[in-house]
Amino acid sequence: MIAVTAKMNVKQGSELEFERRMLDLVSQVNDNEPGVIFYRLCRDSDGNYVVIELYEDELAVKDHVDSDHLKAAAPSFKGIMAGPPEILRYDVLGPVRPTKTA
């Protein structure tokens, strides 16, 4: 499994529009990408955004990057972003949901 975090740098005053557009994209990803295990938009108490992503494998990551809905949405974020997302990738070690022991 592969985990990805994408810290989103949003222009001040564009937060509500960013959330609207991003939540629409989150729905499209979750509805149309079977290799996505988890894909959520999160916000901390200071108003910083991060997308937390979990994929089955490298093919699922590639399918996400190449998806029509991501390509279609990308231009709509240009005017509301303060810069490109800061993306980090991780290899997931161990089970996503620990198994119960007797």
Foldseek 3Di string as FASTA:
>chain_A
DKKKKWWFAWDPPCLVVVVVLVVVLQVCCVVPQPQWPAWDWDADPVGTIMIITDGNDPVSVVCVVPPPSCVVSVVVCVVTGPDGIDMDMDDDDDDPDDDDDD
